[in-house]
Every structure is written in structure tokens, then in C-alpha cells.
Amino acid sequence: MVVWLPALCRKKEVPYCIVKGKARLGQLVHKKAAAVVALTSVNNEDKKELETLAGNFKGQFNDNTEVRRRWGGGIMGIKSQHVMQRREKAIQMEQAKKLGLQIA
């Protein structure tokens, strides 16, 4: 859930918060553990406090680029580099054969 849900929330501009531990989240809903909690309705007297929390969460999670994971860095490992070099060499040899056949 933690992998795709933040990206979906950012796309739909829904404030979200990551809580450390499922047990802490479960306390909110009076259960042993919970993976995800979504608020669908709020009492009128609690709306202002929820809007304050939502604003804080948006600033901390939705708009924060440091939270987003950047996998890799465009640098391949040595084995992958060798595989790519062999592939390129094979493509060049194939192109040379095609050109040789077309010219002759």
C-alpha cells in the first residue's frame, strides 16, 4: 500500500500522512492494527482542526520532493554495462552486414 498510495494521493491532490507502525494507526480506529485509514465524514466541530492537519500534511508529504523516492541514478552496474556493450556490438555488426549486402 505504501508504494502506490502516496503517488495516487499526490495525483488526486488528497492530503495523506505516513504513520510509523500499523499499531499506532490501529489505535485511531480502536483495532489492533490498521494498514490504511480514510476519513469520509467529519463532525462540524472538528472540520477546522482537520483542515489544519490537512494543510500540515500537504506541506509535509504531498508537496515535499525529498519524500519521493528516486530509484537508481541512471548508472548501471558493471554486468549490465557489459551486456549493453555486447548488444550494441551485435547491432553494429548486423547493420554492417546489411550495408554490405545492399552495396554488393
PDB file of N, CA and C in Angstrom:
ATOM      1  N   MET A   1       0.821  -1.194   0.000  1.00  0.00           N
ATOM      2  CA  MET A   1       0.000   0.000   0.000  1.00  0.00           C
ATOM      3  C   MET A   1       0.866   1.259   0.000  1.00  0.00           C
ATOM      4  N   VAL A   2       1.916   1.243   0.784  1.00  0.00           N
ATOM      5  CA  VAL A   2       2.739   2.437   0.918  1.00  0.00           C
ATOM      6  C   VAL A   2       3.445   2.764  -0.389  1.00  0.00           C
ATOM      7  N   VAL A   3       3.566   1.798  -1.279  1.00  0.00           N
ATOM      8  CA  VAL A   3       4.273   2.029  -2.531  1.00  0.00           C
ATOM      9  C   VAL A   3       3.444   2.890  -3.480  1.00  0.00           C
ATOM     10  N   TRP A   4       2.192   2.552  -3.717  1.00  0.00           N
ATOM     11  CA  TRP A   4       1.405   3.242  -4.739  1.00  0.00           C
ATOM     12  C   TRP A   4       0.432   4.259  -4.185  1.00  0.00           C
ATOM     13  N   LEU A   5       0.052   4.166  -2.931  1.00  0.00           N
ATOM     14  CA  LEU A   5      -0.958   5.072  -2.379  1.00  0.00           C
ATOM     15  C   LEU A   5      -0.486   6.528  -2.308  1.00  0.00           C
ATOM     16  N   PRO A   6       0.738   6.830  -1.884  1.00  0.00           N
ATOM     17  CA  PRO A   6       1.180   8.226  -1.897  1.00  0.00           C
ATOM     18  C   PRO A   6       1.175   8.850  -3.284  1.00  0.00           C
ATOM     19  N   ALA A   7       1.575   8.088  -4.297  1.00  0.00           N
ATOM     20  CA  ALA A   7       1.571   8.621  -5.656  1.00  0.00           C
ATOM     21  C   ALA A   7       0.145   8.936  -6.109  1.00  0.00           C
ATOM     22  N   LEU A   8      -0.794   8.072  -5.764  1.00  0.00           N
ATOM     23  CA  LEU A   8      -2.194   8.308  -6.108  1.00  0.00           C
ATOM     24  C   LEU A   8      -2.732   9.540  -5.380  1.00  0.00           C
ATOM     25  N   CYS A   9      -2.391   9.678  -4.103  1.00  0.00           N
ATOM     26  CA  CYS A   9      -2.844  10.843  -3.338  1.00  0.00           C
ATOM     27  C   CYS A   9      -2.273  12.138  -3.904  1.00  0.00           C
ATOM     28  N   ARG A  10      -0.995  12.117  -4.318  1.00  0.00           N
ATOM     29  CA  ARG A  10      -0.409  13.315  -4.923  1.00  0.00           C
ATOM     30  C   ARG A  10      -1.120  13.667  -6.212  1.00  0.00           C
ATOM     31  N   LYS A  11      -1.419  12.645  -7.026  1.00  0.00           N
ATOM     32  CA  LYS A  11      -2.070  12.885  -8.314  1.00  0.00           C
ATOM     33  C   LYS A  11      -3.462  13.477  -8.123  1.00  0.00           C
ATOM     34  N   LYS A  12      -4.211  12.965  -7.156  1.00  0.00           N
ATOM     35  CA  LYS A  12      -5.587  13.422  -6.922  1.00  0.00           C
ATOM     36  C   LYS A  12      -5.656  14.586  -5.930  1.00  0.00           C
ATOM     37  N   GLU A  13      -4.476  15.057  -5.465  1.00  0.00           N
ATOM     38  CA  GLU A  13      -4.375  16.174  -4.523  1.00  0.00           C
ATOM     39  C   GLU A  13      -5.154  15.909  -3.238  1.00  0.00           C
ATOM     40  N   VAL A  14      -5.023  14.691  -2.726  1.00  0.00           N
ATOM     41  CA  VAL A  14      -5.633  14.295  -1.458  1.00  0.00           C
ATOM     42  C   VAL A  14      -4.531  14.315  -0.408  1.00  0.00           C
ATOM     43  N   PRO A  15      -4.717  15.026   0.703  1.00  0.00           N
ATOM     44  CA  PRO A  15      -3.681  15.033   1.735  1.00  0.00           C
ATOM     45  C   PRO A  15      -3.528  13.651   2.364  1.00  0.00           C
ATOM     46  N   TYR A  16      -2.296  13.263   2.622  1.00  0.00           N
ATOM     47  CA  TYR A  16      -2.041  11.976   3.260  1.00  0.00           C
ATOM     48  C   TYR A  16      -0.917  12.123   4.263  1.00  0.00           C
ATOM     49  N   CYS A  17      -0.814  11.164   5.151  1.00  0.00           N
ATOM     50  CA  CYS A  17       0.228  11.170   6.176  1.00  0.00           C
ATOM     51  C   CYS A  17       0.703   9.741   6.366  1.00  0.00           C
ATOM     52  N   ILE A  18       1.990   9.553   6.508  1.00  0.00           N
ATOM     53  CA  ILE A  18       2.544   8.233   6.774  1.00  0.00           C
ATOM     54  C   ILE A  18       2.796   8.133   8.275  1.00  0.00           C
ATOM     55  N   VAL A  19       2.188   7.137   8.889  1.00  0.00           N
ATOM     56  CA  VAL A  19       2.287   6.935  10.333  1.00  0.00           C
ATOM     57  C   VAL A  19       3.226   5.768  10.581  1.00  0.00           C
ATOM     58  N   LYS A  20       4.098   5.908  11.549  1.00  0.00           N
ATOM     59  CA  LYS A  20       5.057   4.860  11.851  1.00  0.00           C
ATOM     60  C   LYS A  20       4.361   3.742  12.623  1.00  0.00           C
ATOM     61  N   GLY A  21       4.207   2.623  11.999  1.00  0.00           N
ATOM     62  CA  GLY A  21       3.653   1.442  12.648  1.00  0.00           C
ATOM     63  C   GLY A  21       2.149   1.305  12.464  1.00  0.00           C
ATOM     64  N   LYS A  22       1.737   0.078  12.138  1.00  0.00           N
ATOM     65  CA  LYS A  22       0.316  -0.195  11.952  1.00  0.00           C
ATOM     66  C   LYS A  22      -0.430  -0.164  13.277  1.00  0.00           C
ATOM     67  N   ALA A  23       0.257  -0.426  14.380  1.00  0.00           N
ATOM     68  CA  ALA A  23      -0.390  -0.412  15.691  1.00  0.00           C
ATOM     69  C   ALA A  23      -0.843   0.998  16.058  1.00  0.00           C
ATOM     70  N   ARG A  24      -0.021   1.987  15.752  1.00  0.00           N
ATOM     71  CA  ARG A  24      -0.408   3.378  16.040  1.00  0.00           C
ATOM     72  C   ARG A  24      -1.638   3.786  15.244  1.00  0.00           C
ATOM     73  N   LEU A  25      -1.679   3.368  14.003  1.00  0.00           N
ATOM     74  CA  LEU A  25      -2.826   3.669  13.162  1.00  0.00           C
ATOM     75  C   LEU A  25      -4.058   2.911  13.643  1.00  0.00           C
ATOM     76  N   GLY A  26      -3.861   1.699  14.133  1.00  0.00           N
ATOM     77  CA  GLY A  26      -4.962   0.909  14.669  1.00  0.00           C
ATOM     78  C   GLY A  26      -5.588   1.541  15.901  1.00  0.00           C
ATOM     79  N   GLN A  27      -4.799   2.253  16.700  1.00  0.00           N
ATOM     80  CA  GLN A  27      -5.331   2.940  17.884  1.00  0.00           C
ATOM     81  C   GLN A  27      -6.383   3.969  17.488  1.00  0.00           C
ATOM     82  N   LEU A  28      -6.196   4.581  16.334  1.00  0.00           N
ATOM     83  CA  LEU A  28      -7.135   5.591  15.857  1.00  0.00           C
ATOM     84  C   LEU A  28      -8.527   5.002  15.622  1.00  0.00           C
ATOM     85  N   VAL A  29      -8.582   3.763  15.141  1.00  0.00           N
ATOM     86  CA  VAL A  29      -9.866   3.131  14.817  1.00  0.00           C
ATOM     87  C   VAL A  29     -10.244   2.042  15.821  1.00  0.00           C
ATOM     88  N   HIS A  30      -9.554   2.022  16.950  1.00  0.00           N
ATOM     89  CA  HIS A  30      -9.833   1.084  18.045  1.00  0.00           C
ATOM     90  C   HIS A  30      -9.720  -0.368  17.593  1.00  0.00           C
ATOM     91  N   LYS A  31      -8.664  -0.653  16.848  1.00  0.00           N
ATOM     92  CA  LYS A  31      -8.347  -2.013  16.402  1.00  0.00           C
ATOM     93  C   LYS A  31      -6.909  -2.309  16.802  1.00  0.00           C
ATOM     94  N   LYS A  32      -6.517  -3.572  16.648  1.00  0.00           N
ATOM     95  CA  LYS A  32      -5.148  -3.954  16.980  1.00  0.00           C
ATOM     96  C   LYS A  32      -4.151  -3.323  16.007  1.00  0.00           C
ATOM     97  N   ALA A  33      -4.490  -3.364  14.718  1.00  0.00           N
ATOM     98  CA  ALA A  33      -3.620  -2.782  13.693  1.00  0.00           C
ATOM     99  C   ALA A  33      -4.466  -2.367  12.499  1.00  0.00           C
ATOM    100  N   ALA A  34      -3.971  -1.409  11.760  1.00  0.00           N
ATOM    101  CA  ALA A  34      -4.634  -0.954  10.531  1.00  0.00           C
ATOM    102  C   ALA A  34      -3.555  -0.531   9.548  1.00  0.00           C
ATOM    103  N   ALA A  35      -3.738  -0.873   8.293  1.00  0.00           N
ATOM    104  CA  ALA A  35      -2.758  -0.513   7.264  1.00  0.00           C
ATOM    105  C   ALA A  35      -3.048   0.867   6.698  1.00  0.00           C
ATOM    106  N   VAL A  36      -4.337   1.168   6.480  1.00  0.00           N
ATOM    107  CA  VAL A  36      -4.736   2.428   5.870  1.00  0.00           C
ATOM    108  C   VAL A  36      -6.026   2.895   6.522  1.00  0.00           C
ATOM    109  N   VAL A  37      -6.132   4.196   6.729  1.00  0.00           N
ATOM    110  CA  VAL A  37      -7.370   4.786   7.249  1.00  0.00           C
ATOM    111  C   VAL A  37      -7.746   5.944   6.336  1.00  0.00           C
ATOM    112  N   ALA A  38      -9.011   5.989   5.918  1.00  0.00           N
ATOM    113  CA  ALA A  38      -9.519   7.083   5.091  1.00  0.00           C
ATOM    114  C   ALA A  38     -10.693   7.714   5.826  1.00  0.00           C
ATOM    115  N   LEU A  39     -10.659   9.025   5.961  1.00  0.00           N
ATOM    116  CA  LEU A  39     -11.755   9.743   6.617  1.00  0.00           C
ATOM    117  C   LEU A  39     -12.776  10.139   5.558  1.00  0.00           C
ATOM    118  N   THR A  40     -14.014   9.717   5.759  1.00  0.00           N
ATOM    119  CA  THR A  40     -15.056  10.016   4.775  1.00  0.00           C
ATOM    120  C   THR A  40     -16.010  11.096   5.263  1.00  0.00           C
ATOM    121  N   SER A  41     -16.214  11.187   6.579  1.00  0.00           N
ATOM    122  CA  SER A  41     -17.086  12.235   7.117  1.00  0.00           C
ATOM    123  C   SER A  41     -16.499  12.741   8.425  1.00  0.00           C
ATOM    124  N   VAL A  42     -16.744  14.010   8.695  1.00  0.00           N
ATOM    125  CA  VAL A  42     -16.186  14.662   9.883  1.00  0.00           C
ATOM    126  C   VAL A  42     -17.280  15.493  10.539  1.00  0.00           C
ATOM    127  N   ASN A  43     -17.299  15.494  11.860  1.00  0.00           N
ATOM    128  CA  ASN A  43     -18.247  16.347  12.585  1.00  0.00           C
ATOM    129  C   ASN A  43     -17.938  17.809  12.305  1.00  0.00           C
ATOM    130  N   ASN A  44     -18.967  18.647  12.321  1.00  0.00           N
ATOM    131  CA  ASN A  44     -18.786  20.072  12.032  1.00  0.00           C
ATOM    132  C   ASN A  44     -17.803  20.730  12.990  1.00  0.00           C
ATOM    133  N   GLU A  45     -17.820  20.346  14.254  1.00  0.00           N
ATOM    134  CA  GLU A  45     -16.916  20.979  15.226  1.00  0.00           C
ATOM    135  C   GLU A  45     -15.456  20.574  15.023  1.00  0.00           C
ATOM    136  N   ASP A  46     -15.221  19.498  14.288  1.00  0.00           N
ATOM    137  CA  ASP A  46     -13.851  19.032  14.056  1.00  0.00           C
ATOM    138  C   ASP A  46     -13.298  19.427  12.687  1.00  0.00           C
ATOM    139  N   LYS A  47     -14.099  20.062  11.841  1.00  0.00           N
ATOM    140  CA  LYS A  47     -13.666  20.388  10.479  1.00  0.00           C
ATOM    141  C   LYS A  47     -12.477  21.338  10.451  1.00  0.00           C
ATOM    142  N   LYS A  48     -12.477  22.339  11.327  1.00  0.00           N
ATOM    143  CA  LYS A  48     -11.380  23.317  11.333  1.00  0.00           C
ATOM    144  C   LYS A  48     -10.065  22.632  11.706  1.00  0.00           C
ATOM    145  N   GLU A  49     -10.115  21.766  12.702  1.00  0.00           N
ATOM    146  CA  GLU A  49      -8.905  21.054  13.116  1.00  0.00           C
ATOM    147  C   GLU A  49      -8.419  20.114  12.003  1.00  0.00           C
ATOM    148  N   LEU A  50      -9.361  19.468  11.309  1.00  0.00           N
ATOM    149  CA  LEU A  50      -8.990  18.592  10.193  1.00  0.00           C
ATOM    150  C   LEU A  50      -8.360  19.388   9.058  1.00  0.00           C
ATOM    151  N   GLU A  51      -8.878  20.563   8.759  1.00  0.00           N
ATOM    152  CA  GLU A  51      -8.294  21.395   7.704  1.00  0.00           C
ATOM    153  C   GLU A  51      -6.882  21.829   8.066  1.00  0.00           C
ATOM    154  N   THR A  52      -6.659  22.121   9.344  1.00  0.00           N
ATOM    155  CA  THR A  52      -5.308  22.470   9.802  1.00  0.00           C
ATOM    156  C   THR A  52      -4.364  21.292   9.609  1.00  0.00           C
ATOM    157  N   LEU A  53      -4.819  20.101  10.019  1.00  0.00           N
ATOM    158  CA  LEU A  53      -3.995  18.905   9.838  1.00  0.00           C
ATOM    159  C   LEU A  53      -3.741  18.624   8.356  1.00  0.00           C
ATOM    160  N   ALA A  54      -4.776  18.775   7.539  1.00  0.00           N
ATOM    161  CA  ALA A  54      -4.636  18.526   6.101  1.00  0.00           C
ATOM    162  C   ALA A  54      -3.612  19.478   5.486  1.00  0.00           C
ATOM    163  N   GLY A  55      -3.638  20.731   5.890  1.00  0.00           N
ATOM    164  CA  GLY A  55      -2.653  21.693   5.397  1.00  0.00           C
ATOM    165  C   GLY A  55      -1.242  21.317   5.805  1.00  0.00           C
ATOM    166  N   ASN A  56      -1.085  20.873   7.039  1.00  0.00           N
ATOM    167  CA  ASN A  56       0.233  20.439   7.510  1.00  0.00           C
ATOM    168  C   ASN A  56       0.713  19.209   6.746  1.00  0.00           C
ATOM    169  N   PHE A  57      -0.205  18.258   6.524  1.00  0.00           N
ATOM    170  CA  PHE A  57       0.161  17.038   5.819  1.00  0.00           C
ATOM    171  C   PHE A  57       0.538  17.330   4.378  1.00  0.00           C
ATOM    172  N   LYS A  58      -0.195  18.227   3.729  1.00  0.00           N
ATOM    173  CA  LYS A  58       0.130  18.570   2.342  1.00  0.00           C
ATOM    174  C   LYS A  58       1.531  19.168   2.256  1.00  0.00           C
ATOM    175  N   GLY A  59       1.841  20.053   3.186  1.00  0.00           N
ATOM    176  CA  GLY A  59       3.168  20.662   3.175  1.00  0.00           C
ATOM    177  C   GLY A  59       4.262  19.673   3.487  1.00  0.00           C
ATOM    178  N   GLN A  60       3.969  18.729   4.367  1.00  0.00           N
ATOM    179  CA  GLN A  60       4.992  17.786   4.816  1.00  0.00           C
ATOM    180  C   GLN A  60       5.168  16.609   3.865  1.00  0.00           C
ATOM    181  N   PHE A  61       4.090  16.120   3.277  1.00  0.00           N
ATOM    182  CA  PHE A  61       4.170  14.918   2.444  1.00  0.00           C
ATOM    183  C   PHE A  61       3.867  15.172   0.978  1.00  0.00           C
ATOM    184  N   ASN A  62       2.729  15.774   0.648  1.00  0.00           N
ATOM    185  CA  ASN A  62       2.319  15.926  -0.755  1.00  0.00           C
ATOM    186  C   ASN A  62       3.284  16.811  -1.533  1.00  0.00           C
ATOM    187  N   ASP A  63       3.662  17.949  -0.968  1.00  0.00           N
ATOM    188  CA  ASP A  63       4.478  18.923  -1.694  1.00  0.00           C
ATOM    189  C   ASP A  63       5.974  18.724  -1.479  1.00  0.00           C
ATOM    190  N   ASN A  64       6.353  17.818  -0.605  1.00  0.00           N
ATOM    191  CA  ASN A  64       7.752  17.622  -0.259  1.00  0.00           C
ATOM    192  C   ASN A  64       8.411  16.682  -1.269  1.00  0.00           C
ATOM    193  N   THR A  65       9.394  17.188  -2.000  1.00  0.00           N
ATOM    194  CA  THR A  65      10.056  16.367  -3.019  1.00  0.00           C
ATOM    195  C   THR A  65      11.094  15.430  -2.404  1.00  0.00           C
ATOM    196  N   GLU A  66      11.524  15.690  -1.173  1.00  0.00           N
ATOM    197  CA  GLU A  66      12.512  14.826  -0.539  1.00  0.00           C
ATOM    198  C   GLU A  66      11.917  13.479  -0.169  1.00  0.00           C
ATOM    199  N   VAL A  67      10.613  13.430   0.076  1.00  0.00           N
ATOM    200  CA  VAL A  67       9.956  12.189   0.461  1.00  0.00           C
ATOM    201  C   VAL A  67       9.894  11.232  -0.710  1.00  0.00           C
ATOM    202  N   ARG A  68       9.765  11.749  -1.916  1.00  0.00           N
ATOM    203  CA  ARG A  68       9.657  10.908  -3.099  1.00  0.00           C
ATOM    204  C   ARG A  68      10.955  10.151  -3.326  1.00  0.00           C
ATOM    205  N   ARG A  69      10.812   8.908  -3.610  1.00  0.00           N
ATOM    206  CA  ARG A  69      11.984   8.064  -3.847  1.00  0.00           C
ATOM    207  C   ARG A  69      12.454   8.229  -5.282  1.00  0.00           C
ATOM    208  N   ARG A  70      13.748   8.282  -5.417  1.00  0.00           N
ATOM    209  CA  ARG A  70      14.340   8.300  -6.741  1.00  0.00           C
ATOM    210  C   ARG A  70      15.176   7.032  -6.856  1.00  0.00           C
ATOM    211  N   TRP A  71      14.663   6.074  -7.576  1.00  0.00           N
ATOM    212  CA  TRP A  71      15.338   4.798  -7.689  1.00  0.00           C
ATOM    213  C   TRP A  71      16.417   4.882  -8.756  1.00  0.00           C
ATOM    214  N   GLY A  72      17.528   4.282  -8.444  1.00  0.00           N
ATOM    215  CA  GLY A  72      18.632   4.267  -9.391  1.00  0.00           C
ATOM    216  C   GLY A  72      19.246   5.638  -9.519  1.00  0.00           C
ATOM    217  N   GLY A  73      19.937   5.869 -10.521  1.00  0.00           N
ATOM    218  CA  GLY A  73      20.540   7.156 -10.775  1.00  0.00           C
ATOM    219  C   GLY A  73      21.013   7.202 -12.217  1.00  0.00           C
ATOM    220  N   GLY A  74      20.528   6.239 -12.988  1.00  0.00           N
ATOM    221  CA  GLY A  74      20.940   6.183 -14.369  1.00  0.00           C
ATOM    222  C   GLY A  74      22.281   5.499 -14.557  1.00  0.00           C
ATOM    223  N   ILE A  75      22.878   5.004 -13.479  1.00  0.00           N
ATOM    224  CA  ILE A  75      24.177   4.339 -13.560  1.00  0.00           C
ATOM    225  C   ILE A  75      23.950   2.839 -13.431  1.00  0.00           C
ATOM    226  N   MET A  76      24.325   2.112 -14.475  1.00  0.00           N
ATOM    227  CA  MET A  76      24.155   0.662 -14.455  1.00  0.00           C
ATOM    228  C   MET A  76      25.356   0.010 -13.794  1.00  0.00           C
ATOM    229  N   GLY A  77      25.132  -1.193 -13.305  1.00  0.00           N
ATOM    230  CA  GLY A  77      26.206  -1.987 -12.741  1.00  0.00           C
ATOM    231  C   GLY A  77      27.143  -2.473 -13.842  1.00  0.00           C
ATOM    232  N   ILE A  78      28.266  -3.020 -13.439  1.00  0.00           N
ATOM    233  CA  ILE A  78      29.283  -3.435 -14.402  1.00  0.00           C
ATOM    234  C   ILE A  78      28.764  -4.543 -15.314  1.00  0.00           C
ATOM    235  N   LYS A  79      27.973  -5.479 -14.755  1.00  0.00           N
ATOM    236  CA  LYS A  79      27.434  -6.563 -15.585  1.00  0.00           C
ATOM    237  C   LYS A  79      26.474  -6.008 -16.628  1.00  0.00           C
ATOM    238  N   SER A  80      25.607  -5.106 -16.216  1.00  0.00           N
ATOM    239  CA  SER A  80      24.649  -4.511 -17.163  1.00  0.00           C
ATOM    240  C   SER A  80      25.364  -3.705 -18.233  1.00  0.00           C
ATOM    241  N   GLN A  81      26.453  -3.014 -17.864  1.00  0.00           N
ATOM    242  CA  GLN A  81      27.220  -2.254 -18.843  1.00  0.00           C
ATOM    243  C   GLN A  81      27.810  -3.186 -19.896  1.00  0.00           C
ATOM    244  N   HIS A  82      28.336  -4.334 -19.460  1.00  0.00           N
ATOM    245  CA  HIS A  82      28.916  -5.292 -20.399  1.00  0.00           C
ATOM    246  C   HIS A  82      27.844  -5.869 -21.324  1.00  0.00           C
ATOM    247  N   VAL A  83      26.671  -6.164 -20.775  1.00  0.00           N
ATOM    248  CA  VAL A  83      25.577  -6.691 -21.597  1.00  0.00           C
ATOM    249  C   VAL A  83      25.180  -5.662 -22.653  1.00  0.00           C
ATOM    250  N   MET A  84      25.062  -4.410 -22.263  1.00  0.00           N
ATOM    251  CA  MET A  84      24.688  -3.356 -23.206  1.00  0.00           C
ATOM    252  C   MET A  84      25.758  -3.177 -24.284  1.00  0.00           C
ATOM    253  N   GLN A  85      27.029  -3.266 -23.902  1.00  0.00           N
ATOM    254  CA  GLN A  85      28.113  -3.154 -24.887  1.00  0.00           C
ATOM    255  C   GLN A  85      28.055  -4.290 -25.893  1.00  0.00           C
ATOM    256  N   ARG A  86      27.795  -5.531 -25.411  1.00  0.00           N
ATOM    257  CA  ARG A  86      27.678  -6.671 -26.326  1.00  0.00           C
ATOM    258  C   ARG A  86      26.489  -6.493 -27.259  1.00  0.00           C
ATOM    259  N   ARG A  87      25.380  -5.981 -26.715  1.00  0.00           N
ATOM    260  CA  ARG A  87      24.191  -5.750 -27.542  1.00  0.00           C
ATOM    261  C   ARG A  87      24.475  -4.731 -28.639  1.00  0.00           C
ATOM    262  N   GLU A  88      25.115  -3.624 -28.263  1.00  0.00           N
ATOM    263  CA  GLU A  88      25.447  -2.579 -29.240  1.00  0.00           C
ATOM    264  C   GLU A  88      26.390  -3.119 -30.314  1.00  0.00           C
ATOM    265  N   LYS A  89      27.364  -3.928 -29.895  1.00  0.00           N
ATOM    266  CA  LYS A  89      28.310  -4.512 -30.833  1.00  0.00           C
ATOM    267  C   LYS A  89      27.586  -5.419 -31.825  1.00  0.00           C
ATOM    268  N   ALA A  90      26.633  -6.222 -31.319  1.00  0.00           N
ATOM    269  CA  ALA A  90      25.862  -7.122 -32.182  1.00  0.00           C
ATOM    270  C   ALA A  90      25.002  -6.322 -33.164  1.00  0.00           C
ATOM    271  N   ILE A  91      24.416  -5.239 -32.709  1.00  0.00           N
ATOM    272  CA  ILE A  91      23.594  -4.392 -33.585  1.00  0.00           C
ATOM    273  C   ILE A  91      24.456  -3.766 -34.668  1.00  0.00           C
ATOM    274  N   GLN A  92      25.646  -3.294 -34.301  1.00  0.00           N
ATOM    275  CA  GLN A  92      26.551  -2.689 -35.286  1.00  0.00           C
ATOM    276  C   GLN A  92      26.997  -3.717 -36.326  1.00  0.00           C
ATOM    277  N   MET A  93      27.278  -4.935 -35.856  1.00  0.00           N
ATOM    278  CA  MET A  93      27.695  -5.984 -36.792  1.00  0.00           C
ATOM    279  C   MET A  93      26.554  -6.327 -37.746  1.00  0.00           C
ATOM    280  N   GLU A  94      25.337  -6.377 -37.232  1.00  0.00           N
ATOM    281  CA  GLU A  94      24.172  -6.682 -38.065  1.00  0.00           C
ATOM    282  C   GLU A  94      23.943  -5.586 -39.103  1.00  0.00           C
ATOM    283  N   GLN A  95      24.110  -4.333 -38.697  1.00  0.00           N
ATOM    284  CA  GLN A  95      23.946  -3.213 -39.625  1.00  0.00           C
ATOM    285  C   GLN A  95      25.033  -3.241 -40.697  1.00  0.00           C
ATOM    286  N   ALA A  96      26.247  -3.587 -40.287  1.00  0.00           N
ATOM    287  CA  ALA A  96      27.346  -3.671 -41.255  1.00  0.00           C
ATOM    288  C   ALA A  96      27.064  -4.762 -42.292  1.00  0.00           C
ATOM    289  N   LYS A  97      26.512  -5.891 -41.850  1.00  0.00           N
ATOM    290  CA  LYS A  97      26.168  -6.969 -42.783  1.00  0.00           C
ATOM    291  C   LYS A  97      25.100  -6.511 -43.766  1.00  0.00           C
ATOM    292  N   LYS A  98      24.085  -5.808 -43.245  1.00  0.00           N
ATOM    293  CA  LYS A  98      23.008  -5.325 -44.117  1.00  0.00           C
ATOM    294  C   LYS A  98      23.550  -4.354 -45.161  1.00  0.00           C
ATOM    295  N   LEU A  99      24.415  -3.449 -44.734  1.00  0.00           N
ATOM    296  CA  LEU A  99      25.004  -2.487 -45.658  1.00  0.00           C
ATOM    297  C   LEU A  99      25.887  -3.198 -46.670  1.00  0.00           C
ATOM    298  N   GLY A 100      26.617  -4.192 -46.214  1.00  0.00           N
ATOM    299  CA  GLY A 100      27.487  -4.960 -47.120  1.00  0.00           C
ATOM    300  C   GLY A 100      26.676  -5.706 -48.162  1.00  0.00           C
ATOM    301  N   LEU A 101      25.542  -6.253 -47.775  1.00  0.00           N
ATOM    302  CA  LEU A 101      24.674  -6.983 -48.708  1.00  0.00           C
ATOM    303  C   LEU A 101      24.007  -6.038 -49.677  1.00  0.00           C
ATOM    304  N   GLN A 102      23.661  -4.854 -49.238  1.00  0.00           N
ATOM    305  CA  GLN A 102      22.959  -3.900 -50.093  1.00  0.00           C
ATOM    306  C   GLN A 102      23.911  -3.323 -51.139  1.00  0.00           C
ATOM    307  N   ILE A 103      25.158  -3.094 -50.763  1.00  0.00           N
ATOM    308  CA  ILE A 103      26.126  -2.490 -51.677  1.00  0.00           C
ATOM    309  C   ILE A 103      26.551  -3.510 -52.741  1.00  0.00           C
ATOM    310  N   ALA A 104      26.718  -4.754 -52.325  1.00  0.00           N
ATOM    311  CA  ALA A 104      27.215  -5.780 -53.261  1.00  0.00           C
ATOM    312  C   ALA A 104      26.210  -6.215 -54.248  1.00  0.00           C
TER     313      ALA A 104
END
